[in-house]
């Protein structure tokens, strides 16, 4: 909590210094302020439009439960080997 407050105070002081420098005529400070401001608006707007609600953090996502009783898994591939009905030796690797 103390680190967060310290970061906010340092950030506000740095922002004030950059504003003062931009008003004083230092061009890189104005460019930096505009760039950082645009990034904050774009990222914040993207989170606001498409972000998740903070109220749903404790809930599991919809449809994430176990499959229903009507679910039938697909059949696996047929077993290879002499008992598969083909000629002996088919589907087997080289002899040891």
PDB file of N, CA and C in Angstrom:
ATOM      1  N   UNK A   1       0.818  -1.178   0.000  1.00  0.00           N
ATOM      2  CA  UNK A   1       0.000   0.000   0.000  1.00  0.00           C
ATOM      3  C   UNK A   1       0.871   1.255   0.000  1.00  0.00           C
ATOM      4  N   UNK A   2       1.957   1.209   0.729  1.00  0.00           N
ATOM      5  CA  UNK A   2       2.852   2.359   0.786  1.00  0.00           C
ATOM      6  C   UNK A   2       3.545   2.554  -0.564  1.00  0.00           C
ATOM      7  N   UNK A   3       3.912   1.445  -1.214  1.00  0.00           N
ATOM      8  CA  UNK A   3       4.581   1.538  -2.509  1.00  0.00           C
ATOM      9  C   UNK A   3       3.629   2.151  -3.538  1.00  0.00           C
ATOM     10  N   UNK A   4       2.357   1.790  -3.484  1.00  0.00           N
ATOM     11  CA  UNK A   4       1.379   2.339  -4.419  1.00  0.00           C
ATOM     12  C   UNK A   4       1.230   3.845  -4.234  1.00  0.00           C
ATOM     13  N   UNK A   5       1.130   4.273  -2.984  1.00  0.00           N
ATOM     14  CA  UNK A   5       1.016   5.711  -2.717  1.00  0.00           C
ATOM     15  C   UNK A   5       2.268   6.454  -3.163  1.00  0.00           C
ATOM     16  N   UNK A   6       3.436   5.870  -2.923  1.00  0.00           N
ATOM     17  CA  UNK A   6       4.687   6.483  -3.349  1.00  0.00           C
ATOM     18  C   UNK A   6       4.747   6.582  -4.872  1.00  0.00           C
ATOM     19  N   UNK A   7       4.305   5.530  -5.568  1.00  0.00           N
ATOM     20  CA  UNK A   7       4.312   5.554  -7.032  1.00  0.00           C
ATOM     21  C   UNK A   7       3.364   6.621  -7.570  1.00  0.00           C
ATOM     22  N   UNK A   8       2.220   6.791  -6.922  1.00  0.00           N
ATOM     23  CA  UNK A   8       1.278   7.831  -7.354  1.00  0.00           C
ATOM     24  C   UNK A   8       1.878   9.217  -7.144  1.00  0.00           C
ATOM     25  N   UNK A   9       2.511   9.448  -5.999  1.00  0.00           N
ATOM     26  CA  UNK A   9       3.112  10.755  -5.717  1.00  0.00           C
ATOM     27  C   UNK A   9       4.235  11.052  -6.706  1.00  0.00           C
ATOM     28  N   UNK A  10       5.079  10.077  -6.960  1.00  0.00           N
ATOM     29  CA  UNK A  10       6.186  10.276  -7.912  1.00  0.00           C
ATOM     30  C   UNK A  10       5.627  10.511  -9.319  1.00  0.00           C
ATOM     31  N   UNK A  11       4.587   9.773  -9.701  1.00  0.00           N
ATOM     32  CA  UNK A  11       3.980   9.946 -11.017  1.00  0.00           C
ATOM     33  C   UNK A  11       3.369  11.322 -11.200  1.00  0.00           C
ATOM     34  N   UNK A  12       2.659  11.811 -10.179  1.00  0.00           N
ATOM     35  CA  UNK A  12       2.062  13.145 -10.257  1.00  0.00           C
ATOM     36  C   UNK A  12       3.161  14.207 -10.328  1.00  0.00           C
ATOM     37  N   UNK A  13       4.222  14.040  -9.557  1.00  0.00           N
ATOM     38  CA  UNK A  13       5.324  15.007  -9.594  1.00  0.00           C
ATOM     39  C   UNK A  13       6.007  15.000 -10.968  1.00  0.00           C
ATOM     40  N   UNK A  14       6.220  13.817 -11.529  1.00  0.00           N
ATOM     41  CA  UNK A  14       6.840  13.718 -12.850  1.00  0.00           C
ATOM     42  C   UNK A  14       5.925  14.321 -13.922  1.00  0.00           C
ATOM     43  N   UNK A  15       4.628  14.075 -13.803  1.00  0.00           N
ATOM     44  CA  UNK A  15       3.680  14.662 -14.751  1.00  0.00           C
ATOM     45  C   UNK A  15       3.710  16.194 -14.664  1.00  0.00           C
ATOM     46  N   UNK A  16       3.740  16.717 -13.459  1.00  0.00           N
ATOM     47  CA  UNK A  16       3.816  18.170 -13.278  1.00  0.00           C
ATOM     48  C   UNK A  16       5.089  18.746 -13.867  1.00  0.00           C
ATOM     49  N   UNK A  17       6.201  18.065 -13.658  1.00  0.00           N
ATOM     50  CA  UNK A  17       7.477  18.519 -14.217  1.00  0.00           C
ATOM     51  C   UNK A  17       7.430  18.520 -15.745  1.00  0.00           C
ATOM     52  N   UNK A  18       6.862  17.451 -16.326  1.00  0.00           N
ATOM     53  CA  UNK A  18       6.763  17.400 -17.789  1.00  0.00           C
ATOM     54  C   UNK A  18       5.862  18.502 -18.324  1.00  0.00           C
ATOM     55  N   UNK A  19       4.746  18.763 -17.641  1.00  0.00           N
ATOM     56  CA  UNK A  19       3.857  19.856 -18.070  1.00  0.00           C
ATOM     57  C   UNK A  19       4.579  21.195 -17.998  1.00  0.00           C
ATOM     58  N   UNK A  20       5.312  21.416 -16.942  1.00  0.00           N
ATOM     59  CA  UNK A  20       6.060  22.666 -16.776  1.00  0.00           C
ATOM     60  C   UNK A  20       7.103  22.819 -17.893  1.00  0.00           C
ATOM     61  N   UNK A  21       7.800  21.711 -18.195  1.00  0.00           N
ATOM     62  CA  UNK A  21       8.808  21.754 -19.261  1.00  0.00           C
ATOM     63  C   UNK A  21       8.158  21.995 -20.620  1.00  0.00           C
ATOM     64  N   UNK A  22       6.977  21.392 -20.863  1.00  0.00           N
ATOM     65  CA  UNK A  22       6.303  21.583 -22.147  1.00  0.00           C
ATOM     66  C   UNK A  22       5.831  23.022 -22.308  1.00  0.00           C
ATOM     67  N   UNK A  23       5.329  23.620 -21.244  1.00  0.00           N
ATOM     68  CA  UNK A  23       4.883  25.014 -21.297  1.00  0.00           C
ATOM     69  C   UNK A  23       6.078  25.942 -21.481  1.00  0.00           C
ATOM     70  N   UNK A  24       7.209  25.558 -20.925  1.00  0.00           N
ATOM     71  CA  UNK A  24       8.420  26.376 -21.012  1.00  0.00           C
ATOM     72  C   UNK A  24       9.050  26.335 -22.408  1.00  0.00           C
ATOM     73  N   UNK A  25       8.560  25.433 -23.283  1.00  0.00           N
ATOM     74  CA  UNK A  25       9.055  25.406 -24.660  1.00  0.00           C
ATOM     75  C   UNK A  25       9.955  24.240 -24.985  1.00  0.00           C
ATOM     76  N   UNK A  26      10.096  23.282 -24.115  1.00  0.00           N
ATOM     77  CA  UNK A  26      10.942  22.112 -24.398  1.00  0.00           C
ATOM     78  C   UNK A  26      10.098  21.112 -25.198  1.00  0.00           C
ATOM     79  N   UNK A  27      10.397  20.998 -26.475  1.00  0.00           N
ATOM     80  CA  UNK A  27       9.581  20.211 -27.395  1.00  0.00           C
ATOM     81  C   UNK A  27       9.514  18.722 -27.043  1.00  0.00           C
ATOM     82  N   UNK A  28      10.621  18.055 -26.681  1.00  0.00           N
ATOM     83  CA  UNK A  28      10.511  16.625 -26.363  1.00  0.00           C
ATOM     84  C   UNK A  28       9.547  16.325 -25.207  1.00  0.00           C
ATOM     85  N   UNK A  29       9.409  17.242 -24.278  1.00  0.00           N
ATOM     86  CA  UNK A  29       8.470  17.018 -23.173  1.00  0.00           C
ATOM     87  C   UNK A  29       7.041  17.031 -23.682  1.00  0.00           C
ATOM     88  N   UNK A  30       6.731  17.938 -24.605  1.00  0.00           N
ATOM     89  CA  UNK A  30       5.382  17.992 -25.173  1.00  0.00           C
ATOM     90  C   UNK A  30       5.088  16.740 -25.987  1.00  0.00           C
ATOM     91  N   UNK A  31       6.071  16.294 -26.761  1.00  0.00           N
ATOM     92  CA  UNK A  31       5.902  15.076 -27.561  1.00  0.00           C
ATOM     93  C   UNK A  31       5.678  13.874 -26.650  1.00  0.00           C
ATOM     94  N   UNK A  32       6.432  13.796 -25.575  1.00  0.00           N
ATOM     95  CA  UNK A  32       6.286  12.688 -24.630  1.00  0.00           C
ATOM     96  C   UNK A  32       4.912  12.711 -23.966  1.00  0.00           C
ATOM     97  N   UNK A  33       4.438  13.892 -23.581  1.00  0.00           N
ATOM     98  CA  UNK A  33       3.123  14.010 -22.955  1.00  0.00           C
ATOM     99  C   UNK A  33       2.012  13.577 -23.917  1.00  0.00           C
ATOM    100  N   UNK A  34       2.110  13.994 -25.164  1.00  0.00           N
ATOM    101  CA  UNK A  34       1.090  13.624 -26.151  1.00  0.00           C
ATOM    102  C   UNK A  34       1.113  12.122 -26.422  1.00  0.00           C
ATOM    103  N   UNK A  35       2.299  11.538 -26.552  1.00  0.00           N
ATOM    104  CA  UNK A  35       2.422  10.113 -26.828  1.00  0.00           C
ATOM    105  C   UNK A  35       1.887   9.281 -25.675  1.00  0.00           C
ATOM    106  N   UNK A  36       2.301   9.602 -24.463  1.00  0.00           N
ATOM    107  CA  UNK A  36       1.841   8.838 -23.292  1.00  0.00           C
ATOM    108  C   UNK A  36       0.342   9.029 -23.103  1.00  0.00           C
ATOM    109  N   UNK A  37      -0.158  10.240 -23.327  1.00  0.00           N
ATOM    110  CA  UNK A  37      -1.595  10.477 -23.214  1.00  0.00           C
ATOM    111  C   UNK A  37      -2.386   9.667 -24.220  1.00  0.00           C
ATOM    112  N   UNK A  38      -1.895   9.591 -25.463  1.00  0.00           N
ATOM    113  CA  UNK A  38      -2.579   8.801 -26.484  1.00  0.00           C
ATOM    114  C   UNK A  38      -2.579   7.318 -26.119  1.00  0.00           C
ATOM    115  N   UNK A  39      -1.461   6.815 -25.603  1.00  0.00           N
ATOM    116  CA  UNK A  39      -1.405   5.409 -25.194  1.00  0.00           C
ATOM    117  C   UNK A  39      -2.378   5.121 -24.056  1.00  0.00           C
ATOM    118  N   UNK A  40      -2.440   6.010 -23.099  1.00  0.00           N
ATOM    119  CA  UNK A  40      -3.356   5.814 -21.967  1.00  0.00           C
ATOM    120  C   UNK A  40      -4.798   5.794 -22.454  1.00  0.00           C
ATOM    121  N   UNK A  41      -5.146   6.707 -23.360  1.00  0.00           N
ATOM    122  CA  UNK A  41      -6.513   6.748 -23.875  1.00  0.00           C
ATOM    123  C   UNK A  41      -6.832   5.496 -24.687  1.00  0.00           C
ATOM    124  N   UNK A  42      -5.914   5.054 -25.533  1.00  0.00           N
ATOM    125  CA  UNK A  42      -6.170   3.877 -26.363  1.00  0.00           C
ATOM    126  C   UNK A  42      -6.277   2.600 -25.539  1.00  0.00           C
ATOM    127  N   UNK A  43      -5.356   2.400 -24.617  1.00  0.00           N
ATOM    128  CA  UNK A  43      -5.394   1.193 -23.788  1.00  0.00           C
ATOM    129  C   UNK A  43      -6.599   1.220 -22.851  1.00  0.00           C
ATOM    130  N   UNK A  44      -6.829   2.363 -22.227  1.00  0.00           N
ATOM    131  CA  UNK A  44      -7.984   2.477 -21.335  1.00  0.00           C
ATOM    132  C   UNK A  44      -9.295   2.314 -22.076  1.00  0.00           C
ATOM    133  N   UNK A  45      -9.396   2.885 -23.279  1.00  0.00           N
ATOM    134  CA  UNK A  45     -10.607   2.731 -24.077  1.00  0.00           C
ATOM    135  C   UNK A  45     -10.820   1.295 -24.525  1.00  0.00           C
ATOM    136  N   UNK A  46      -9.746   0.623 -24.892  1.00  0.00           N
ATOM    137  CA  UNK A  46      -9.872  -0.784 -25.276  1.00  0.00           C
ATOM    138  C   UNK A  46     -10.331  -1.651 -24.120  1.00  0.00           C
ATOM    139  N   UNK A  47      -9.808  -1.400 -22.937  1.00  0.00           N
ATOM    140  CA  UNK A  47     -10.249  -2.155 -21.761  1.00  0.00           C
ATOM    141  C   UNK A  47     -11.696  -1.822 -21.415  1.00  0.00           C
ATOM    142  N   UNK A  48     -12.068  -0.556 -21.593  1.00  0.00           N
ATOM    143  CA  UNK A  48     -13.423  -0.137 -21.262  1.00  0.00           C
ATOM    144  C   UNK A  48     -14.437  -0.768 -22.221  1.00  0.00           C
ATOM    145  N   UNK A  49     -14.080  -0.832 -23.520  1.00  0.00           N
ATOM    146  CA  UNK A  49     -15.014  -1.368 -24.511  1.00  0.00           C
ATOM    147  C   UNK A  49     -15.059  -2.895 -24.462  1.00  0.00           C
ATOM    148  N   UNK A  50     -13.915  -3.541 -24.461  1.00  0.00           N
ATOM    149  CA  UNK A  50     -13.899  -4.998 -24.580  1.00  0.00           C
ATOM    150  C   UNK A  50     -13.399  -5.732 -23.368  1.00  0.00           C
ATOM    151  N   UNK A  51     -13.119  -5.036 -22.298  1.00  0.00           N
ATOM    152  CA  UNK A  51     -12.560  -5.693 -21.123  1.00  0.00           C
ATOM    153  C   UNK A  51     -13.581  -6.474 -20.332  1.00  0.00           C
ATOM    154  N   UNK A  52     -13.094  -7.345 -19.472  1.00  0.00           N
ATOM    155  CA  UNK A  52     -13.955  -8.132 -18.601  1.00  0.00           C
ATOM    156  C   UNK A  52     -14.416  -7.299 -17.431  1.00  0.00           C
ATOM    157  N   UNK A  53     -15.600  -7.600 -16.954  1.00  0.00           N
ATOM    158  CA  UNK A  53     -16.109  -6.907 -15.783  1.00  0.00           C
ATOM    159  C   UNK A  53     -15.361  -7.381 -14.552  1.00  0.00           C
ATOM    160  N   UNK A  54     -15.075  -6.470 -13.650  1.00  0.00           N
ATOM    161  CA  UNK A  54     -14.355  -6.858 -12.443  1.00  0.00           C
ATOM    162  C   UNK A  54     -15.251  -7.633 -11.484  1.00  0.00           C
ATOM    163  N   UNK A  55     -16.555  -7.632 -11.733  1.00  0.00           N
ATOM    164  CA  UNK A  55     -17.478  -8.358 -10.853  1.00  0.00           C
ATOM    165  C   UNK A  55     -17.507  -9.848 -11.144  1.00  0.00           C
ATOM    166  N   UNK A  56     -16.929 -10.300 -12.258  1.00  0.00           N
ATOM    167  CA  UNK A  56     -17.000 -11.719 -12.622  1.00  0.00           C
ATOM    168  C   UNK A  56     -15.701 -12.460 -12.359  1.00  0.00           C
ATOM    169  N   UNK A  57     -14.812 -11.900 -11.563  1.00  0.00           N
ATOM    170  CA  UNK A  57     -13.510 -12.549 -11.352  1.00  0.00           C
ATOM    171  C   UNK A  57     -13.610 -13.828 -10.544  1.00  0.00           C
ATOM    172  N   UNK A  58     -14.578 -13.939  -9.641  1.00  0.00           N
ATOM    173  CA  UNK A  58     -14.678 -15.128  -8.807  1.00  0.00           C
ATOM    174  C   UNK A  58     -15.514 -16.231  -9.414  1.00  0.00           C
ATOM    175  N   UNK A  59     -16.193 -15.939 -10.515  1.00  0.00           N
ATOM    176  CA  UNK A  59     -17.066 -16.922 -11.133  1.00  0.00           C
ATOM    177  C   UNK A  59     -16.343 -17.650 -12.251  1.00  0.00           C
ATOM    178  N   UNK A  60     -16.650 -18.946 -12.445  1.00  0.00           N
ATOM    179  CA  UNK A  60     -16.052 -19.653 -13.579  1.00  0.00           C
ATOM    180  C   UNK A  60     -16.708 -19.195 -14.876  1.00  0.00           C
ATOM    181  N   UNK A  61     -16.028 -19.335 -16.013  1.00  0.00           N
ATOM    182  CA  UNK A  61     -16.621 -18.926 -17.282  1.00  0.00           C
ATOM    183  C   UNK A  61     -17.827 -19.796 -17.629  1.00  0.00           C
ATOM    184  N   UNK A  62     -18.764 -19.231 -18.361  1.00  0.00           N
ATOM    185  CA  UNK A  62     -19.968 -19.970 -18.737  1.00  0.00           C
ATOM    186  C   UNK A  62     -19.600 -21.133 -19.650  1.00  0.00           C
ATOM    187  N   UNK A  63     -20.226 -22.273 -19.412  1.00  0.00           N
ATOM    188  CA  UNK A  63     -19.979 -23.449 -20.242  1.00  0.00           C
ATOM    189  C   UNK A  63     -18.701 -24.181 -19.894  1.00  0.00           C
ATOM    190  N   UNK A  64     -18.133 -23.931 -18.769  1.00  0.00           N
ATOM    191  CA  UNK A  64     -16.867 -24.567 -18.418  1.00  0.00           C
ATOM    192  C   UNK A  64     -17.020 -25.815 -17.569  1.00  0.00           C
ATOM    193  N   UNK A  65     -18.228 -26.272 -17.356  1.00  0.00           N
ATOM    194  CA  UNK A  65     -18.465 -27.436 -16.501  1.00  0.00           C
ATOM    195  C   UNK A  65     -18.198 -28.745 -17.224  1.00  0.00           C
ATOM    196  N   UNK A  66     -18.488 -29.855 -16.556  1.00  0.00           N
ATOM    197  CA  UNK A  66     -18.279 -31.164 -17.185  1.00  0.00           C
ATOM    198  C   UNK A  66     -19.271 -31.358 -18.334  1.00  0.00           C
ATOM    199  N   UNK A  67     -18.946 -32.233 -19.296  1.00  0.00           N
ATOM    200  CA  UNK A  67     -19.853 -32.449 -20.419  1.00  0.00           C
ATOM    201  C   UNK A  67     -21.164 -33.074 -19.941  1.00  0.00           C
ATOM    202  N   UNK A  68     -22.212 -32.844 -20.701  1.00  0.00           N
ATOM    203  CA  UNK A  68     -23.517 -33.383 -20.328  1.00  0.00           C
ATOM    204  C   UNK A  68     -23.550 -34.886 -20.533  1.00  0.00           C
ATOM    205  N   UNK A  69     -24.605 -35.528 -20.037  1.00  0.00           N
ATOM    206  CA  UNK A  69     -24.712 -36.986 -20.139  1.00  0.00           C
ATOM    207  C   UNK A  69     -24.984 -37.422 -21.572  1.00  0.00           C
ATOM    208  N   UNK A  70     -25.396 -36.514 -22.457  1.00  0.00           N
ATOM    209  CA  UNK A  70     -25.658 -36.870 -23.849  1.00  0.00           C
ATOM    210  C   UNK A  70     -24.378 -36.870 -24.681  1.00  0.00           C
ATOM    211  N   UNK A  71     -23.262 -36.493 -24.102  1.00  0.00           N
ATOM    212  CA  UNK A  71     -22.004 -36.428 -24.835  1.00  0.00           C
ATOM    213  C   UNK A  71     -21.484 -37.832 -25.101  1.00  0.00           C
ATOM    214  N   UNK A  72     -21.183 -38.122 -26.366  1.00  0.00           N
ATOM    215  CA  UNK A  72     -20.601 -39.405 -26.744  1.00  0.00           C
ATOM    216  C   UNK A  72     -19.245 -39.109 -27.364  1.00  0.00           C
ATOM    217  N   UNK A  73     -18.146 -39.583 -26.752  1.00  0.00           N
ATOM    218  CA  UNK A  73     -16.827 -39.300 -27.323  1.00  0.00           C
ATOM    219  C   UNK A  73     -16.652 -40.017 -28.655  1.00  0.00           C
ATOM    220  N   UNK A  74     -15.863 -39.467 -29.555  1.00  0.00           N
ATOM    221  CA  UNK A  74     -15.650 -40.121 -30.854  1.00  0.00           C
ATOM    222  C   UNK A  74     -14.884 -41.428 -30.676  1.00  0.00           C
ATOM    223  N   UNK A  75     -15.140 -42.368 -31.592  1.00  0.00           N
ATOM    224  CA  UNK A  75     -14.473 -43.674 -31.537  1.00  0.00           C
ATOM    225  C   UNK A  75     -13.003 -43.511 -31.894  1.00  0.00           C
ATOM    226  N   UNK A  76     -12.161 -44.256 -31.240  1.00  0.00           N
ATOM    227  CA  UNK A  76     -10.731 -44.211 -31.511  1.00  0.00           C
ATOM    228  C   UNK A  76     -10.390 -44.971 -32.776  1.00  0.00           C
ATOM    229  N   UNK A  77      -9.135 -44.899 -33.230  1.00  0.00           N
ATOM    230  CA  UNK A  77      -8.738 -45.633 -34.435  1.00  0.00           C
ATOM    231  C   UNK A  77      -8.774 -47.136 -34.167  1.00  0.00           C
ATOM    232  N   UNK A  78      -8.973 -47.937 -35.212  1.00  0.00           N
ATOM    233  CA  UNK A  78      -9.002 -49.395 -35.009  1.00  0.00           C
ATOM    234  C   UNK A  78      -7.640 -49.904 -34.539  1.00  0.00           C
ATOM    235  N   UNK A  79      -7.655 -50.966 -33.765  1.00  0.00           N
ATOM    236  CA  UNK A  79      -6.415 -51.540 -33.243  1.00  0.00           C
ATOM    237  C   UNK A  79      -5.626 -52.182 -34.374  1.00  0.00           C
ATOM    238  N   UNK A  80      -4.318 -51.949 -34.372  1.00  0.00           N
ATOM    239  CA  UNK A  80      -3.445 -52.535 -35.392  1.00  0.00           C
ATOM    240  C   UNK A  80      -2.859 -53.850 -34.876  1.00  0.00           C
ATOM    241  N   UNK A  81      -2.612 -54.758 -35.785  1.00  0.00           N
ATOM    242  CA  UNK A  81      -2.017 -56.027 -35.387  1.00  0.00           C
ATOM    243  C   UNK A  81      -2.744 -57.204 -36.027  1.00  0.00           C
ATOM    244  N   UNK A  82      -2.317 -58.419 -35.723  1.00  0.00           N
ATOM    245  CA  UNK A  82      -2.919 -59.601 -36.358  1.00  0.00           C
ATOM    246  C   UNK A  82      -4.391 -59.772 -35.981  1.00  0.00           C
ATOM    247  N   UNK A  83      -4.814 -59.287 -34.825  1.00  0.00           N
ATOM    248  CA  UNK A  83      -6.204 -59.469 -34.429  1.00  0.00           C
ATOM    249  C   UNK A  83      -7.120 -58.449 -35.087  1.00  0.00           C
ATOM    250  N   UNK A  84      -6.581 -57.519 -35.887  1.00  0.00           N
ATOM    251  CA  UNK A  84      -7.379 -56.491 -36.525  1.00  0.00           C
ATOM    252  C   UNK A  84      -8.098 -57.009 -37.767  1.00  0.00           C
ATOM    253  N   UNK A  85      -7.843 -58.232 -38.222  1.00  0.00           N
ATOM    254  CA  UNK A  85      -8.528 -58.789 -39.364  1.00  0.00           C
ATOM    255  C   UNK A  85      -7.731 -58.724 -40.647  1.00  0.00           C
ATOM    256  N   UNK A  86      -6.640 -58.042 -40.690  1.00  0.00           N
ATOM    257  CA  UNK A  86      -5.819 -57.944 -41.882  1.00  0.00           C
ATOM    258  C   UNK A  86      -4.808 -59.087 -41.933  1.00  0.00           C
ATOM    259  N   UNK A  87      -4.012 -59.115 -42.976  1.00  0.00           N
ATOM    260  CA  UNK A  87      -2.980 -60.160 -43.059  1.00  0.00           C
ATOM    261  C   UNK A  87      -1.971 -60.004 -41.930  1.00  0.00           C
ATOM    262  N   UNK A  88      -1.395 -61.092 -41.458  1.00  0.00           N
ATOM    263  CA  UNK A  88      -0.434 -61.012 -40.358  1.00  0.00           C
ATOM    264  C   UNK A  88       0.767 -60.156 -40.761  1.00  0.00           C
ATOM    265  N   UNK A  89       1.212 -59.374 -39.813  1.00  0.00           N
ATOM    266  CA  UNK A  89       2.390 -58.554 -40.027  1.00  0.00           C
ATOM    267  C   UNK A  89       2.063 -57.160 -40.533  1.00  0.00           C
ATOM    268  N   UNK A  90       0.833 -56.909 -40.936  1.00  0.00           N
ATOM    269  CA  UNK A  90       0.469 -55.593 -41.444  1.00  0.00           C
ATOM    270  C   UNK A  90       0.302 -54.630 -40.280  1.00  0.00           C
ATOM    271  N   UNK A  91       0.858 -53.443 -40.374  1.00  0.00           N
ATOM    272  CA  UNK A  91       0.736 -52.460 -39.320  1.00  0.00           C
ATOM    273  C   UNK A  91       1.754 -52.615 -38.221  1.00  0.00           C
ATOM    274  N   UNK A  92       2.679 -53.557 -38.388  1.00  0.00           N
ATOM    275  CA  UNK A  92       3.707 -53.776 -37.388  1.00  0.00           C
ATOM    276  C   UNK A  92       5.019 -53.241 -37.909  1.00  0.00           C
ATOM    277  N   UNK A  93       5.893 -52.871 -36.989  1.00  0.00           N
ATOM    278  CA  UNK A  93       7.200 -52.375 -37.368  1.00  0.00           C
ATOM    279  C   UNK A  93       8.124 -53.511 -37.795  1.00  0.00           C
ATOM    280  N   UNK A  94       9.388 -53.175 -38.047  1.00  0.00           N
ATOM    281  CA  UNK A  94      10.345 -54.225 -38.435  1.00  0.00           C
ATOM    282  C   UNK A  94      10.579 -55.194 -37.290  1.00  0.00           C
ATOM    283  N   UNK A  95      10.936 -56.425 -37.603  1.00  0.00           N
ATOM    284  CA  UNK A  95      11.189 -57.399 -36.524  1.00  0.00           C
ATOM    285  C   UNK A  95      12.389 -56.977 -35.681  1.00  0.00           C
ATOM    286  N   UNK A  96      12.364 -57.285 -34.412  1.00  0.00           N
ATOM    287  CA  UNK A  96      13.478 -56.875 -33.525  1.00  0.00           C
ATOM    288  C   UNK A  96      14.761 -57.587 -33.802  1.00  0.00           C
TER     289      UNK A  96
END
